[in-house]
Amino acid sequence: MTTPRAPFVAALSAAVLACLAVPSSQAAGPATLALTVRQASGLPVRDAVVMVYPKAGASSGPIRFGWKYDMAQANIAFTPGTLIVPAGATVRFPNQDKVRHSIYSFSKSAKIDIQLYGRDETRSHSFAVAGSVALGCKIHDQMRGYVKVVDTPYAAKTDHNGQVRLAQLPGGAAVVKVWHPALRSRTGEHEEAVMLAAGQPTTRAISVDLRTQK
């Protein structure tokens, strides 16, 4: 009795070819970038925005982050001082102070003019395009806040040690961009190329030059 092996062999061959067609960077699993941002003096840079742009591109679909797109006013300050949002996001500005605030921005990527509003009131603004938006208050000159609007799903802020960890990245060549409001750069960002190892962490340190902040 003969066994019909031809269909089985054909199916097996197709499966093998499909596996071979998968890029090694995908087959080995996603990459992770562990990055430290320091000043030239060696001091860590806190609240630097790190963005990764893989050469292979990002997955399609809307960009979403796991934090709220809120920037409160509390104790006469913007909280958080720097907020990362994707292009197209709407940011809420709840007032938690006893005094009124009036938020404004003259930044190229977003012009904002929110009139006075009081405690427990909230105002919102939509950020259509990627860029860096500096915020102030017409009533309190000392208030400074920053919204970094990004066009990549791979973005996060450094902690007090200047460290950040970005996971689920495509392996292979990528560009890392670092933004900080005090960064000395013609473009406003520090940029470096990096090779991300698929299936394992890539450790990198970046040194940047910062202006003295008042």
Protein backbone atom coordinates (compact mmCIF):
# COMPACT_ATOMS: atom_id res chain seq x y z
CA MET A 1 0.00 0.00 0.00
CA THR A 2 1.46 3.36 -1.04
CA THR A 3 1.16 6.50 1.10
CA PRO A 4 0.27 9.79 -0.60
CA ARG A 5 3.43 11.63 0.43
CA ALA A 6 3.42 14.32 -2.26
CA PRO A 7 0.91 16.67 -0.54
CA PHE A 8 2.75 16.27 2.79
CA VAL A 9 6.14 17.01 1.23
CA ALA A 10 4.76 20.05 -0.57
CA ALA A 11 3.23 21.44 2.63
CA LEU A 12 6.45 20.84 4.57
CA SER A 13 8.52 22.58 1.91
CA ALA A 14 6.20 25.58 1.96
CA ALA A 15 6.48 25.83 5.75
CA VAL A 16 10.28 25.71 5.61
CA LEU A 17 10.40 28.40 2.93
CA ALA A 18 8.07 30.59 4.99
CA CYS A 19 10.38 30.31 8.00
CA LEU A 20 13.40 31.15 5.89
CA ALA A 21 11.62 34.20 4.52
CA VAL A 22 11.25 35.72 8.01
CA PRO A 23 14.04 38.25 8.67
CA SER A 24 16.42 37.12 11.40
CA SER A 25 15.73 40.32 13.35
CA GLN A 26 12.08 39.26 13.64
CA ALA A 27 12.72 35.57 14.20
CA ALA A 28 14.98 36.30 17.17
CA GLY A 29 12.34 38.46 18.83
CA PRO A 30 12.09 42.18 19.61
CA ALA A 31 15.02 44.31 20.73
CA THR A 32 15.44 46.42 23.87
CA LEU A 33 17.45 49.62 24.22
CA ALA A 34 18.86 50.56 27.65
CA LEU A 35 20.12 54.13 27.29
CA THR A 36 21.87 56.52 29.66
CA VAL A 37 22.01 60.23 28.85
CA ARG A 38 24.73 62.27 30.54
CA GLN A 39 26.21 65.73 30.27
CA ALA A 40 29.82 66.09 29.17
CA SER A 41 30.67 66.48 32.87
CA GLY A 42 29.22 63.04 33.57
CA LEU A 43 26.12 64.29 35.38
CA PRO A 44 22.90 62.46 34.45
CA VAL A 45 20.30 64.27 32.37
CA ARG A 46 16.82 63.92 33.81
CA ASP A 47 13.62 64.25 31.74
CA ALA A 48 15.39 64.01 28.40
CA VAL A 49 13.05 62.69 25.72
CA VAL A 50 14.50 59.69 23.89
CA MET A 51 13.00 58.71 20.53
CA VAL A 52 13.94 55.66 18.46
CA TYR A 53 13.38 55.46 14.70
CA PRO A 54 14.06 51.92 13.42
CA LYS A 55 15.26 51.67 9.83
CA ALA A 56 12.73 48.88 9.35
CA GLY A 57 9.98 51.31 10.30
CA ALA A 58 7.37 51.16 13.04
CA SER A 59 4.24 49.06 13.12
CA SER A 60 1.27 50.66 11.42
CA GLY A 61 -1.65 52.08 13.34
CA PRO A 62 -2.19 54.96 15.73
CA ILE A 63 0.50 55.74 18.31
CA ARG A 64 -0.55 55.34 21.93
CA PHE A 65 1.42 55.63 25.16
CA GLY A 66 0.60 54.17 28.55
CA TRP A 67 0.35 57.45 30.44
CA LYS A 68 -2.32 60.15 30.61
CA TYR A 69 -2.00 63.12 28.29
CA ASP A 70 -2.46 65.51 31.21
CA MET A 71 -0.31 68.44 32.30
CA ALA A 72 -1.66 69.90 35.53
CA GLN A 73 -0.90 73.20 37.19
CA ALA A 74 -0.01 72.52 40.81
CA ASN A 75 2.03 74.60 43.27
CA ILE A 76 2.50 77.23 40.52
CA ALA A 77 4.23 74.74 38.23
CA PHE A 78 3.42 72.50 35.28
CA THR A 79 3.19 68.85 36.33
CA PRO A 80 4.83 66.95 34.72
CA GLY A 81 7.35 69.50 33.52
CA THR A 82 7.78 67.57 30.26
CA LEU A 83 5.03 65.51 28.64
CA ILE A 84 5.39 63.18 25.64
CA VAL A 85 2.37 62.77 23.37
CA PRO A 86 1.85 61.47 19.82
CA ALA A 87 0.97 63.84 17.00
CA GLY A 88 -2.79 64.37 16.95
CA ALA A 89 -3.21 63.92 20.71
CA THR A 90 -5.32 66.20 22.87
CA VAL A 91 -3.71 67.31 26.13
CA ARG A 92 -5.74 68.27 29.20
CA PHE A 93 -4.56 71.08 31.47
CA PRO A 94 -6.34 70.71 34.84
CA ASN A 95 -5.81 73.57 37.29
CA GLN A 96 -5.14 72.21 40.78
CA ASP A 97 -3.99 75.54 42.22
CA LYS A 98 -6.03 78.02 44.23
CA VAL A 99 -5.09 80.73 41.75
CA ARG A 100 -6.04 81.16 38.11
CA HIS A 101 -3.77 80.39 35.17
CA SER A 102 -3.60 81.44 31.52
CA ILE A 103 -1.51 79.09 29.36
CA TYR A 104 0.21 80.23 26.20
CA SER A 105 2.81 79.14 23.67
CA PHE A 106 4.51 80.85 20.72
CA SER A 107 6.19 77.66 19.54
CA LYS A 108 6.38 77.03 15.80
CA SER A 109 4.51 73.72 15.96
CA ALA A 110 1.71 74.97 18.23
CA LYS A 111 0.30 78.41 19.02
CA ILE A 112 -1.69 78.34 22.26
CA ASP A 113 -3.70 81.05 24.00
CA ILE A 114 -5.84 79.69 26.84
CA GLN A 115 -7.58 82.42 28.80
CA LEU A 116 -7.77 82.57 32.59
CA TYR A 117 -9.39 79.62 34.33
CA GLY A 118 -9.61 78.67 37.98
CA ARG A 119 -9.20 75.83 40.42
CA ASP A 120 -10.73 72.45 39.49
CA GLU A 121 -11.31 73.67 35.95
CA THR A 122 -9.71 72.03 32.92
CA ARG A 123 -8.81 73.27 29.47
CA SER A 124 -7.58 71.23 26.50
CA HIS A 125 -5.50 71.67 23.36
CA SER A 126 -4.86 69.34 20.40
CA PHE A 127 -1.32 69.02 19.04
CA ALA A 128 -1.55 68.26 15.33
CA VAL A 129 2.09 67.98 14.31
CA ALA A 130 5.32 66.65 15.80
CA GLY A 131 7.60 69.19 17.46
CA SER A 132 8.65 70.79 20.74
CA VAL A 133 6.17 73.10 22.44
CA ALA A 134 7.28 75.43 25.25
CA LEU A 135 4.49 76.52 27.59
CA GLY A 136 4.18 79.47 29.92
CA CYS A 137 1.59 81.22 32.08
CA LYS A 138 0.65 84.86 31.47
CA ILE A 139 0.15 85.39 35.20
CA HIS A 140 3.16 83.49 36.60
CA ASP A 141 6.36 84.15 34.63
CA GLN A 142 8.29 81.46 36.51
CA MET A 143 6.13 78.65 35.11
CA ARG A 144 7.70 76.62 32.30
CA GLY A 145 6.42 73.41 30.77
CA TYR A 146 7.17 71.40 27.63
CA VAL A 147 5.08 69.14 25.44
CA LYS A 148 7.16 66.96 23.13
CA VAL A 149 4.94 65.82 20.28
CA VAL A 150 6.44 62.75 18.61
CA ASP A 151 5.86 60.73 15.44
CA THR A 152 7.27 57.42 16.69
CA PRO A 153 5.75 54.87 19.09
CA TYR A 154 9.19 54.34 20.64
CA ALA A 155 9.64 57.29 22.99
CA ALA A 156 10.14 57.81 26.73
CA LYS A 157 11.77 60.12 29.29
CA THR A 158 14.95 59.51 31.25
CA ASP A 159 14.69 59.11 35.02
CA HIS A 160 16.70 60.96 37.70
CA ASN A 161 19.69 58.78 36.85
CA GLY A 162 19.48 59.76 33.20
CA GLN A 163 18.36 56.26 32.28
CA VAL A 164 15.55 54.99 30.07
CA ARG A 165 14.59 51.57 28.76
CA LEU A 166 12.66 51.08 25.53
CA ALA A 167 11.36 47.59 24.73
CA GLN A 168 9.57 45.85 21.86
CA LEU A 169 11.77 47.52 19.24
CA PRO A 170 12.44 46.03 15.80
CA GLY A 171 15.97 44.67 15.60
CA GLY A 172 18.52 46.15 13.23
CA ALA A 173 19.71 49.63 12.35
CA ALA A 174 17.98 52.58 14.00
CA VAL A 175 18.41 56.27 14.76
CA VAL A 176 18.19 57.50 18.35
CA LYS A 177 17.21 61.12 18.95
CA VAL A 178 17.50 62.90 22.29
CA TRP A 179 15.62 66.11 23.08
CA HIS A 180 15.90 68.37 26.13
CA PRO A 181 14.88 72.03 26.51
CA ALA A 182 18.44 73.01 27.47
CA LEU A 183 20.18 71.04 24.71
CA ARG A 184 22.76 72.92 22.66
CA SER A 185 21.97 71.92 19.09
CA ARG A 186 21.05 73.65 15.84
CA THR A 187 18.28 71.14 15.27
CA GLY A 188 17.15 71.01 18.91
CA GLU A 189 17.97 67.30 19.09
CA HIS A 190 21.02 65.08 19.49
CA GLU A 191 21.05 62.24 16.97
CA GLU A 192 23.06 59.00 16.84
CA ALA A 193 22.90 55.78 14.84
CA VAL A 194 22.60 52.51 16.73
CA MET A 195 22.40 48.82 15.88
CA LEU A 196 19.75 47.04 17.94
CA ALA A 197 20.37 43.37 18.69
CA ALA A 198 17.20 41.34 18.17
CA GLY A 199 16.10 39.29 21.14
CA GLN A 200 18.42 40.95 23.65
CA PRO A 201 19.12 44.33 25.27
CA THR A 202 21.43 46.87 23.66
CA THR A 203 23.18 49.15 26.17
CA ARG A 204 24.24 52.60 25.07
CA ALA A 205 25.40 55.87 26.68
CA ILE A 206 25.00 59.28 25.04
CA SER A 207 26.73 62.50 26.06
CA VAL A 208 25.01 65.83 25.38
CA ASP A 209 25.85 69.48 25.90
CA LEU A 210 23.31 71.46 27.94
CA ARG A 211 22.90 75.16 28.54
CA THR A 212 22.70 76.39 32.13
CA GLN A 213 19.03 76.64 33.08
CA LYS A 214 17.79 79.50 35.20
